[in-house]
Each structure stands twice: as C-alpha cells, then as structure tokens.
C-alpha atoms as a PDB file:
ATOM      1  CA  MET A   1     168.561 -90.571 137.331  1.00  0.00           C
ATOM      2  CA  LYS A   2     165.013 -89.888 138.537  1.00  0.00           C
ATOM      3  CA  PHE A   3     164.237 -93.569 139.087  1.00  0.00           C
ATOM      4  CA  GLN A   4     167.502 -94.763 140.597  1.00  0.00           C
ATOM      5  CA  GLY A   5     166.881 -97.953 142.567  1.00  0.00           C
ATOM      6  CA  LYS A   6     163.186 -98.060 141.696  1.00  0.00           C
ATOM      7  CA  THR A   7     161.289-100.946 140.113  1.00  0.00           C
ATOM      8  CA  ALA A   8     159.055-100.359 137.089  1.00  0.00           C
ATOM      9  CA  ILE A   9     156.746-102.853 135.395  1.00  0.00           C
ATOM     10  CA  VAL A  10     155.804-102.058 131.797  1.00  0.00           C
ATOM     11  CA  THR A  11     153.108-104.262 130.296  1.00  0.00           C
ATOM     12  CA  GLY A  12     153.414-104.733 126.564  1.00  0.00           C
ATOM     13  CA  GLY A  13     156.979-103.482 126.847  1.00  0.00           C
ATOM     14  CA  SER A  14     158.583-105.385 124.013  1.00  0.00           C
ATOM     15  CA  ARG A  15     158.112-102.971 121.088  1.00  0.00           C
ATOM     16  CA  ASP A  16     157.071 -99.538 119.824  1.00  0.00           C
ATOM     17  CA  ILE A  17     155.851 -97.219 122.597  1.00  0.00           C
ATOM     18  CA  GLY A  18     156.338 -99.927 125.215  1.00  0.00           C
ATOM     19  CA  ARG A  19     159.971-100.406 124.246  1.00  0.00           C
ATOM     20  CA  ALA A  20     160.605 -96.664 124.258  1.00  0.00           C
ATOM     21  CA  ILE A  21     159.111 -96.444 127.767  1.00  0.00           C
ATOM     22  CA  CYS A  22     161.286 -99.289 129.039  1.00  0.00           C
ATOM     23  CA  VAL A  23     164.447 -97.735 127.619  1.00  0.00           C
ATOM     24  CA  LYS A  24     163.574 -94.277 128.961  1.00  0.00           C
ATOM     25  CA  LEU A  25     162.839 -95.493 132.496  1.00  0.00           C
ATOM     26  CA  ALA A  26     165.963 -97.663 132.579  1.00  0.00           C
ATOM     27  CA  GLY A  27     168.020 -94.762 131.269  1.00  0.00           C
ATOM     28  CA  GLU A  28     166.796 -92.780 134.270  1.00  0.00           C
ATOM     29  CA  GLY A  29     167.942 -95.532 136.618  1.00  0.00           C
ATOM     30  CA  ALA A  30     164.893 -97.803 136.977  1.00  0.00           C
ATOM     31  CA  ASN A  31     165.079-101.576 137.093  1.00  0.00           C
ATOM     32  CA  VAL A  32     162.549-102.430 134.406  1.00  0.00           C
ATOM     33  CA  VAL A  33     160.382-105.511 134.001  1.00  0.00           C
ATOM     34  CA  VAL A  34     159.684-105.896 130.281  1.00  0.00           C
ATOM     35  CA  ASN A  35     156.417-107.760 129.884  1.00  0.00           C
ATOM     36  CA  TYR A  36     155.685-109.558 126.626  1.00  0.00           C
ATOM     37  CA  ASN A  37     153.250-112.247 125.556  1.00  0.00           C
ATOM     38  CA  SER A  38     153.877-113.642 122.078  1.00  0.00           C
ATOM     39  CA  ASN A  39     157.187-112.328 120.741  1.00  0.00           C
ATOM     40  CA  GLU A  40     160.219-113.109 122.853  1.00  0.00           C
ATOM     41  CA  GLY A  41     162.527-111.794 120.142  1.00  0.00           C
ATOM     42  CA  ASP A  42     161.057-108.298 120.520  1.00  0.00           C
ATOM     43  CA  ALA A  43     161.539-108.510 124.285  1.00  0.00           C
ATOM     44  CA  ASP A  44     165.163-109.485 123.771  1.00  0.00           C
ATOM     45  CA  ALA A  45     165.624-106.468 121.507  1.00  0.00           C
ATOM     46  CA  THR A  46     164.176-104.238 124.221  1.00  0.00           C
ATOM     47  CA  LEU A  47     166.591-105.682 126.775  1.00  0.00           C
ATOM     48  CA  ALA A  48     169.473-105.037 124.391  1.00  0.00           C
ATOM     49  CA  ALA A  49     168.339-101.418 124.016  1.00  0.00           C
ATOM     50  CA  ILE A  50     168.137-101.067 127.807  1.00  0.00           C
ATOM     51  CA  GLU A  51     171.672-102.389 128.191  1.00  0.00           C
ATOM     52  CA  ALA A  52     172.959-100.086 125.467  1.00  0.00           C
ATOM     53  CA  ALA A  53     171.309 -97.077 127.119  1.00  0.00           C
ATOM     54  CA  GLY A  54     172.946 -97.731 130.477  1.00  0.00           C
ATOM     55  CA  GLY A  55     171.337 -97.018 133.826  1.00  0.00           C
ATOM     56  CA  GLY A  56     169.014 -99.566 135.394  1.00  0.00           C
ATOM     57  CA  LYS A  57     168.736-103.258 134.692  1.00  0.00           C
ATOM     58  CA  GLY A  58     166.049-105.053 132.707  1.00  0.00           C
ATOM     59  CA  ILE A  59     164.415-108.470 132.778  1.00  0.00           C
ATOM     60  CA  LYS A  60     161.820-109.973 130.461  1.00  0.00           C
ATOM     61  CA  VAL A  61     158.716-111.748 131.748  1.00  0.00           C
ATOM     62  CA  LYS A  62     156.230-113.573 129.557  1.00  0.00           C
ATOM     63  CA  ALA A  63     152.659-113.028 130.736  1.00  0.00           C
ATOM     64  CA  ASP A  64     149.216-112.759 129.187  1.00  0.00           C
ATOM     65  CA  VAL A  65     147.992-109.739 131.122  1.00  0.00           C
ATOM     66  CA  THR A  66     144.345-110.575 130.430  1.00  0.00           C
ATOM     67  CA  LYS A  67     144.776-113.518 132.828  1.00  0.00           C
ATOM     68  CA  ALA A  68     144.955-112.968 136.583  1.00  0.00           C
ATOM     69  CA  GLY A  69     147.334-115.871 137.177  1.00  0.00           C
ATOM     70  CA  ASP A  70     149.821-114.590 134.617  1.00  0.00           C
ATOM     71  CA  VAL A  71     149.657-111.075 136.081  1.00  0.00           C
ATOM     72  CA  ALA A  72     150.307-112.388 139.593  1.00  0.00           C
ATOM     73  CA  ALA A  73     153.345-114.253 138.254  1.00  0.00           C
ATOM     74  CA  LEU A  74     154.529-111.065 136.521  1.00  0.00           C
ATOM     75  CA  VAL A  75     154.467-109.083 139.765  1.00  0.00           C
ATOM     76  CA  LYS A  76     156.147-111.963 141.637  1.00  0.00           C
ATOM     77  CA  ALA A  77     158.928-112.062 139.035  1.00  0.00           C
ATOM     78  CA  ALA A  78     159.492-108.335 139.502  1.00  0.00           C
ATOM     79  CA  GLN A  79     159.736-108.777 143.261  1.00  0.00           C
ATOM     80  CA  ASP A  80     162.053-111.775 143.013  1.00  0.00           C
ATOM     81  CA  ALA A  81     164.403-109.818 140.774  1.00  0.00           C
ATOM     82  CA  PHE A  82     164.320-106.347 142.321  1.00  0.00           C
ATOM     83  CA  GLY A  83     162.665-106.437 145.743  1.00  0.00           C
ATOM     84  CA  GLU A  84     159.199-106.371 147.267  1.00  0.00           C
ATOM     85  CA  GLU A  85     158.209-102.791 146.453  1.00  0.00           C
ATOM     86  CA  ILE A  86     156.822-101.747 143.058  1.00  0.00           C
ATOM     87  CA  HIS A  87     157.393 -98.056 142.365  1.00  0.00           C
ATOM     88  CA  VAL A  88     156.039 -97.600 138.831  1.00  0.00           C
ATOM     89  CA  LEU A  89     153.415 -99.482 136.826  1.00  0.00           C
ATOM     90  CA  VAL A  90     152.847 -98.602 133.188  1.00  0.00           C
ATOM     91  CA  ASN A  91     149.735-100.227 131.726  1.00  0.00           C
ATOM     92  CA  ASN A  92     150.745-100.135 128.077  1.00  0.00           C
ATOM     93  CA  ALA A  93     149.519-103.515 126.799  1.00  0.00           C
ATOM     94  CA  GLY A  94     146.635-103.261 124.365  1.00  0.00           C
ATOM     95  CA  GLY A  95     145.688-102.957 120.736  1.00  0.00           C
ATOM     96  CA  LEU A  96     143.104-102.370 118.063  1.00  0.00           C
ATOM     97  CA  VAL A  97     143.183-106.058 116.957  1.00  0.00           C
ATOM     98  CA  ALA A  98     141.221-105.292 113.760  1.00  0.00           C
ATOM     99  CA  ARG A  99     139.079-102.578 112.230  1.00  0.00           C
ATOM    100  CA  LYS A 100     135.478-103.789 112.347  1.00  0.00           C
ATOM    101  CA  THR A 101     132.209-101.942 111.948  1.00  0.00           C
ATOM    102  CA  LEU A 102     129.239-102.605 114.199  1.00  0.00           C
ATOM    103  CA  ASP A 103     127.814-105.001 111.607  1.00  0.00           C
ATOM    104  CA  GLU A 104     131.117-106.865 111.361  1.00  0.00           C
ATOM    105  CA  MET A 105     131.708-107.246 115.098  1.00  0.00           C
ATOM    106  CA  ASP A 106     130.466-110.113 117.186  1.00  0.00           C
ATOM    107  CA  GLU A 107     130.311-110.351 120.956  1.00  0.00           C
ATOM    108  CA  GLU A 108     133.501-112.400 121.154  1.00  0.00           C
ATOM    109  CA  PHE A 109     135.534-109.755 119.293  1.00  0.00           C
ATOM    110  CA  PHE A 110     134.146-106.866 121.357  1.00  0.00           C
ATOM    111  CA  ASN A 111     134.841-108.674 124.625  1.00  0.00           C
ATOM    112  CA  PHE A 112     138.381-109.562 123.557  1.00  0.00           C
ATOM    113  CA  VAL A 113     139.247-105.935 122.771  1.00  0.00           C
ATOM    114  CA  MET A 114     137.849-104.852 126.132  1.00  0.00           C
ATOM    115  CA  GLN A 115     139.871-107.535 127.920  1.00  0.00           C
ATOM    116  CA  LEU A 116     143.038-106.577 126.071  1.00  0.00           C
ATOM    117  CA  ASN A 117     142.775-102.846 126.794  1.00  0.00           C
ATOM    118  CA  VAL A 118     140.771-102.556 130.030  1.00  0.00           C
ATOM    119  CA  THR A 119     140.824-105.860 131.906  1.00  0.00           C
ATOM    120  CA  SER A 120     144.608-106.032 131.506  1.00  0.00           C
ATOM    121  CA  ALA A 121     145.035-102.655 133.234  1.00  0.00           C
ATOM    122  CA  PHE A 122     142.580-103.653 135.969  1.00  0.00           C
ATOM    123  CA  LEU A 123     144.394-106.922 136.682  1.00  0.00           C
ATOM    124  CA  ALA A 124     147.872-105.386 136.636  1.00  0.00           C
ATOM    125  CA  THR A 125     146.816-102.540 138.923  1.00  0.00           C
ATOM    126  CA  LYS A 126     145.027-104.873 141.323  1.00  0.00           C
ATOM    127  CA  ALA A 127     148.111-107.101 141.532  1.00  0.00           C
ATOM    128  CA  ALA A 128     150.701-104.321 141.833  1.00  0.00           C
ATOM    129  CA  ALA A 129     148.928-101.783 144.051  1.00  0.00           C
ATOM    130  CA  PRO A 130     149.279-103.743 147.327  1.00  0.00           C
ATOM    131  CA  HIS A 131     153.052-103.551 146.819  1.00  0.00           C
ATOM    132  CA  MET A 132     153.108 -99.813 146.062  1.00  0.00           C
ATOM    133  CA  LYS A 133     153.741 -97.195 148.754  1.00  0.00           C
ATOM    134  CA  GLU A 134     153.441 -93.443 148.999  1.00  0.00           C
ATOM    135  CA  GLY A 135     155.203 -91.833 146.058  1.00  0.00           C
ATOM    136  CA  ALA A 136     154.476 -94.681 143.636  1.00  0.00           C
ATOM    137  CA  ALA A 137     152.854 -93.972 140.280  1.00  0.00           C
ATOM    138  CA  ILE A 138     150.655 -95.699 137.729  1.00  0.00           C
ATOM    139  CA  VAL A 139     150.492 -94.501 134.136  1.00  0.00           C
ATOM    140  CA  ASN A 140     147.855 -95.889 131.769  1.00  0.00           C
ATOM    141  CA  LEU A 141     148.168 -95.654 127.995  1.00  0.00           C
ATOM    142  CA  ALA A 142     144.777 -94.512 126.727  1.00  0.00           C
ATOM    143  CA  SER A 143     144.263 -92.852 123.328  1.00  0.00           C
ATOM    144  CA  LEU A 144     142.860 -89.880 121.480  1.00  0.00           C
ATOM    145  CA  ALA A 145     140.318 -92.451 120.255  1.00  0.00           C
ATOM    146  CA  GLY A 146     138.910 -92.513 123.776  1.00  0.00           C
ATOM    147  CA  ARG A 147     138.020 -88.835 123.364  1.00  0.00           C
ATOM    148  CA  ASP A 148     136.819 -88.682 119.743  1.00  0.00           C
ATOM    149  CA  GLY A 149     135.561 -92.222 119.024  1.00  0.00           C
ATOM    150  CA  GLY A 150     138.487 -93.213 116.815  1.00  0.00           C
ATOM    151  CA  GLY A 151     138.704 -93.768 113.095  1.00  0.00           C
ATOM    152  CA  GLY A 152     136.673 -96.108 110.951  1.00  0.00           C
ATOM    153  CA  GLY A 153     136.167 -99.565 112.408  1.00  0.00           C
ATOM    154  CA  ALA A 154     137.552 -98.595 115.814  1.00  0.00           C
ATOM    155  CA  ILE A 155     134.372 -98.626 117.891  1.00  0.00           C
ATOM    156  CA  ALA A 156     135.533-101.383 120.242  1.00  0.00           C
ATOM    157  CA  TYR A 157     139.017 -99.896 120.590  1.00  0.00           C
ATOM    158  CA  ALA A 158     137.742 -96.377 121.231  1.00  0.00           C
ATOM    159  CA  THR A 159     135.225 -97.678 123.764  1.00  0.00           C
ATOM    160  CA  SER A 160     137.932 -99.563 125.627  1.00  0.00           C
ATOM    161  CA  LYS A 161     140.239 -96.550 125.733  1.00  0.00           C
ATOM    162  CA  GLY A 162     137.396 -94.339 126.966  1.00  0.00           C
ATOM    163  CA  ALA A 163     136.794 -96.883 129.712  1.00  0.00           C
ATOM    164  CA  LEU A 164     140.491 -96.792 130.607  1.00  0.00           C
ATOM    165  CA  MET A 165     140.323 -93.010 130.925  1.00  0.00           C
ATOM    166  CA  THR A 166     137.410 -93.308 133.333  1.00  0.00           C
ATOM    167  CA  MET A 167     139.176 -96.092 135.240  1.00  0.00           C
ATOM    168  CA  THR A 168     142.115 -93.711 135.637  1.00  0.00           C
ATOM    169  CA  ARG A 169     139.871 -91.160 137.349  1.00  0.00           C
ATOM    170  CA  GLY A 170     138.289 -93.772 139.611  1.00  0.00           C
ATOM    171  CA  LEU A 171     141.631 -95.264 140.595  1.00  0.00           C
ATOM    172  CA  ALA A 172     142.949 -91.779 141.340  1.00  0.00           C
ATOM    173  CA  LYS A 173     140.180 -91.280 143.892  1.00  0.00           C
ATOM    174  CA  GLU A 174     140.746 -94.655 145.530  1.00  0.00           C
ATOM    175  CA  LEU A 175     144.550 -94.834 145.495  1.00  0.00           C
ATOM    176  CA  GLY A 176     145.313 -91.146 146.016  1.00  0.00           C
ATOM    177  CA  PRO A 177     144.810 -91.250 149.793  1.00  0.00           C
ATOM    178  CA  LYS A 178     147.474 -93.972 149.881  1.00  0.00           C
ATOM    179  CA  GLY A 179     149.927 -91.686 148.117  1.00  0.00           C
ATOM    180  CA  ILE A 180     149.769 -93.580 144.823  1.00  0.00           C
ATOM    181  CA  ARG A 181     149.268 -91.307 141.830  1.00  0.00           C
ATOM    182  CA  VAL A 182     147.359 -92.492 138.747  1.00  0.00           C
ATOM    183  CA  ASN A 183     147.353 -90.735 135.377  1.00  0.00           C
ATOM    184  CA  ALA A 184     146.890 -91.614 131.723  1.00  0.00           C
ATOM    185  CA  LEU A 185     148.305 -90.485 128.413  1.00  0.00           C
ATOM    186  CA  CYS A 186     146.108 -90.114 125.338  1.00  0.00           C
ATOM    187  CA  PRO A 187     148.388 -90.375 122.291  1.00  0.00           C
ATOM    188  CA  GLY A 188     147.274 -89.251 118.871  1.00  0.00           C
ATOM    189  CA  MET A 189     149.047 -90.405 115.715  1.00  0.00           C
ATOM    190  CA  ILE A 190     152.364 -91.894 116.824  1.00  0.00           C
ATOM    191  CA  ALA A 191     154.659 -93.513 114.245  1.00  0.00           C
ATOM    192  CA  THR A 192     154.497 -97.168 115.317  1.00  0.00           C
ATOM    193  CA  ALA A 193     153.880-100.627 113.895  1.00  0.00           C
ATOM    194  CA  PHE A 194     150.290-100.187 115.152  1.00  0.00           C
ATOM    195  CA  HIS A 195     149.618 -97.672 112.388  1.00  0.00           C
ATOM    196  CA  ASP A 196     151.850 -99.528 109.926  1.00  0.00           C
ATOM    197  CA  LYS A 197     149.359-102.376 110.249  1.00  0.00           C
ATOM    198  CA  PHE A 198     146.014-100.656 110.722  1.00  0.00           C
ATOM    199  CA  THR A 199     146.213 -97.204 109.094  1.00  0.00           C
ATOM    200  CA  PRO A 200     146.712 -96.651 105.336  1.00  0.00           C
ATOM    201  CA  ASP A 201     149.608 -94.401 104.347  1.00  0.00           C
ATOM    202  CA  ALA A 202     147.271 -91.840 102.796  1.00  0.00           C
ATOM    203  CA  ALA A 203     145.284 -91.570 106.026  1.00  0.00           C
ATOM    204  CA  ARG A 204     148.457 -91.162 108.062  1.00  0.00           C
ATOM    205  CA  GLU A 205     149.668 -88.412 105.769  1.00  0.00           C
ATOM    206  CA  ASN A 206     146.312 -86.671 106.016  1.00  0.00           C
ATOM    207  CA  VAL A 207     146.387 -86.785 109.825  1.00  0.00           C
ATOM    208  CA  ALA A 208     149.963 -85.505 109.890  1.00  0.00           C
ATOM    209  CA  ASN A 209     149.047 -82.612 107.596  1.00  0.00           C
ATOM    210  CA  SER A 210     146.028 -81.805 109.767  1.00  0.00           C
ATOM    211  CA  THR A 211     148.201 -81.581 112.878  1.00  0.00           C
ATOM    212  CA  PRO A 212     149.529 -78.102 113.695  1.00  0.00           C
ATOM    213  CA  LEU A 213     153.051 -79.530 114.046  1.00  0.00           C
ATOM    214  CA  LYS A 214     152.632 -81.165 110.611  1.00  0.00           C
ATOM    215  CA  ARG A 215     153.977 -84.571 111.610  1.00  0.00           C
ATOM    216  CA  GLN A 216     153.330 -87.770 113.493  1.00  0.00           C
ATOM    217  CA  GLY A 217     154.644 -88.217 117.000  1.00  0.00           C
ATOM    218  CA  ARG A 218     157.551 -90.454 117.951  1.00  0.00           C
ATOM    219  CA  PRO A 219     157.432 -93.288 120.519  1.00  0.00           C
ATOM    220  CA  GLU A 220     160.270 -91.598 122.399  1.00  0.00           C
ATOM    221  CA  GLU A 221     158.147 -88.478 122.889  1.00  0.00           C
ATOM    222  CA  THR A 222     155.410 -90.575 124.473  1.00  0.00           C
ATOM    223  CA  ALA A 223     158.004 -92.287 126.666  1.00  0.00           C
ATOM    224  CA  ASP A 224     159.278 -88.894 127.850  1.00  0.00           C
ATOM    225  CA  ALA A 225     155.747 -87.983 128.925  1.00  0.00           C
ATOM    226  CA  VAL A 226     155.307 -91.302 130.743  1.00  0.00           C
ATOM    227  CA  ALA A 227     158.570 -90.783 132.610  1.00  0.00           C
ATOM    228  CA  TYR A 228     157.489 -87.301 133.650  1.00  0.00           C
ATOM    229  CA  LEU A 229     154.100 -88.477 134.937  1.00  0.00           C
ATOM    230  CA  ALA A 230     155.755 -91.316 136.836  1.00  0.00           C
ATOM    231  CA  SER A 231     158.373 -89.052 138.416  1.00  0.00           C
ATOM    232  CA  ASP A 232     158.295 -86.899 141.545  1.00  0.00           C
ATOM    233  CA  GLU A 233     158.333 -83.853 139.243  1.00  0.00           C
ATOM    234  CA  ALA A 234     154.648 -84.584 138.564  1.00  0.00           C
ATOM    235  CA  SER A 235     153.819 -85.040 142.237  1.00  0.00           C
ATOM    236  CA  PHE A 236     150.594 -82.974 142.084  1.00  0.00           C
ATOM    237  CA  ILE A 237     149.308 -84.327 138.756  1.00  0.00           C
ATOM    238  CA  HIS A 238     146.726 -86.946 139.590  1.00  0.00           C
ATOM    239  CA  GLY A 239     143.690 -88.390 137.830  1.00  0.00           C
ATOM    240  CA  ALA A 240     144.595 -86.608 134.594  1.00  0.00           C
ATOM    241  CA  ASN A 241     144.188 -87.860 131.040  1.00  0.00           C
ATOM    242  CA  VAL A 242     146.997 -85.995 129.306  1.00  0.00           C
ATOM    243  CA  ASP A 243     146.881 -85.374 125.555  1.00  0.00           C
ATOM    244  CA  ILE A 244     149.971 -85.952 123.441  1.00  0.00           C
ATOM    245  CA  ASN A 245     148.931 -85.406 119.841  1.00  0.00           C
ATOM    246  CA  GLY A 246     150.836 -82.432 118.431  1.00  0.00           C
ATOM    247  CA  GLY A 247     147.775 -80.214 118.682  1.00  0.00           C
ATOM    248  CA  LEU A 248     145.576 -82.458 116.545  1.00  0.00           C
ATOM    249  CA  ALA A 249     142.808 -82.226 119.151  1.00  0.00           C
ATOM    250  CA  PHE A 250     142.341 -80.176 122.293  1.00  0.00           C
ATOM    251  CA  SER A 251     140.562 -81.233 125.491  1.00  0.00           C
END
C-alpha cells in the first residue's frame, strides 16, 4: 500500500492507460480523482474497477483540462473530497486526434493538438503544484513519438510529446528544490483503443514483430511504471523521460 492515505489526480483517467493507472494507484491505497471530459460511462467503468480492486477510494470529475477554469475546479474537487494536499499528479490526458500530413494540417488543428497534449499538462501542474509538498510526484505521459518523430501523419502529436518531454526537464529543475519530483514515461506500442483507432492492424503487427519482446505492451505495464515513478521507491529519479517500449527503441 505505497500510497495509503495519499491523493492522486489522473487526467484522462477514464479508459485505456489512464484507467489502468487509476486502478493501480487505488490498489496501492491512493484516493484517486478520475478526470474525464466527454465519456462519463467510461469514468463510471473506471470507478467500478477501482472498487473491485480494493484499496483507496475513487471519484470522477468532469473537466476539460485544456481550460484553466476547469482544471482549477478539478483540483478543488480533489481537495473537497480528500483533503488539501495533492500527493500525485499524472498528466495522462492527450491524443493524436487524427493523422495529418503537413499539407493536410491547418493552424487550428496543430494548435489543438498542442493544447491537448502540452497545455493540459501545464495547466494541471500549475494548479496542483501549490498544493504539493516535499515527497510529492508528477508523472507525465509522453511518447516514443517524442523521440523518433512518430509514424505517418503524426507530426503535430510527436511535436507535442517532444515538448512535454522538455517541459518535464524544466519542471524538474524548478520544482525539485521544493521536494516535488517530475518524470515522464515514453510508451511505445501499447495495446489500447488509441491504436485500434489510428494504427492499421498490419502496422501494429509489424511493430510488434520488430520489438525484441515480439509483442505490444499492456496498459497495466505502463501503470506499473507510473506507480513506481510516483512512489518513494523512485525518490532519486527526477527529470527523467523513461522508455517503456519492449526494446523497440533505445535512448
């Protein structure tokens, strides 16, 4: 029960990797705030999984984390439910939105992807950090795309995840002296609805076969890594962008 009595906010916590993170943290004792935006049914399913797992409690909070007002309300809801202090923030909200080449993208699309993946993490961190004390942890969900530029039509997504990796380093320098650790995970091919929607089966099979472990990752494996980085066991890991890709790429 590494997180017994602690409060964790997980943005985009209603499904896939976000859901796995919520269930993992709650299973280790955390009281988890499950953030969602558009699909309340998915958030309810996450809460049911938290209850089934035992451990900490869970609440759902609707918030568009690209909007400062919504993010402030999200943090306030966490405090109202579980107390003033925030111990863990997982900036998981984000997405590819669509695969578009440079010719196909317009300014509005590019800006939206950046807001979804970078501005959301900035706003959540800015809102939560004043309520975090020594020993607290922030974990950002970046991507292998931030290292290698992503697949076809992922320029905006890869750019945003690269920016999130750099933000992680900058935040580590600023928040470290306050005892708040900041790290990021860079997942490769994880079996989620993200790839169900955006990556053809043949491409997924090719990536899996190109990976030394010869498979895709599982959301639960990413959640395990998040829980480790957020725990006291990782107390001297700070400002790191940690790969989790089965050996597909090395940094």
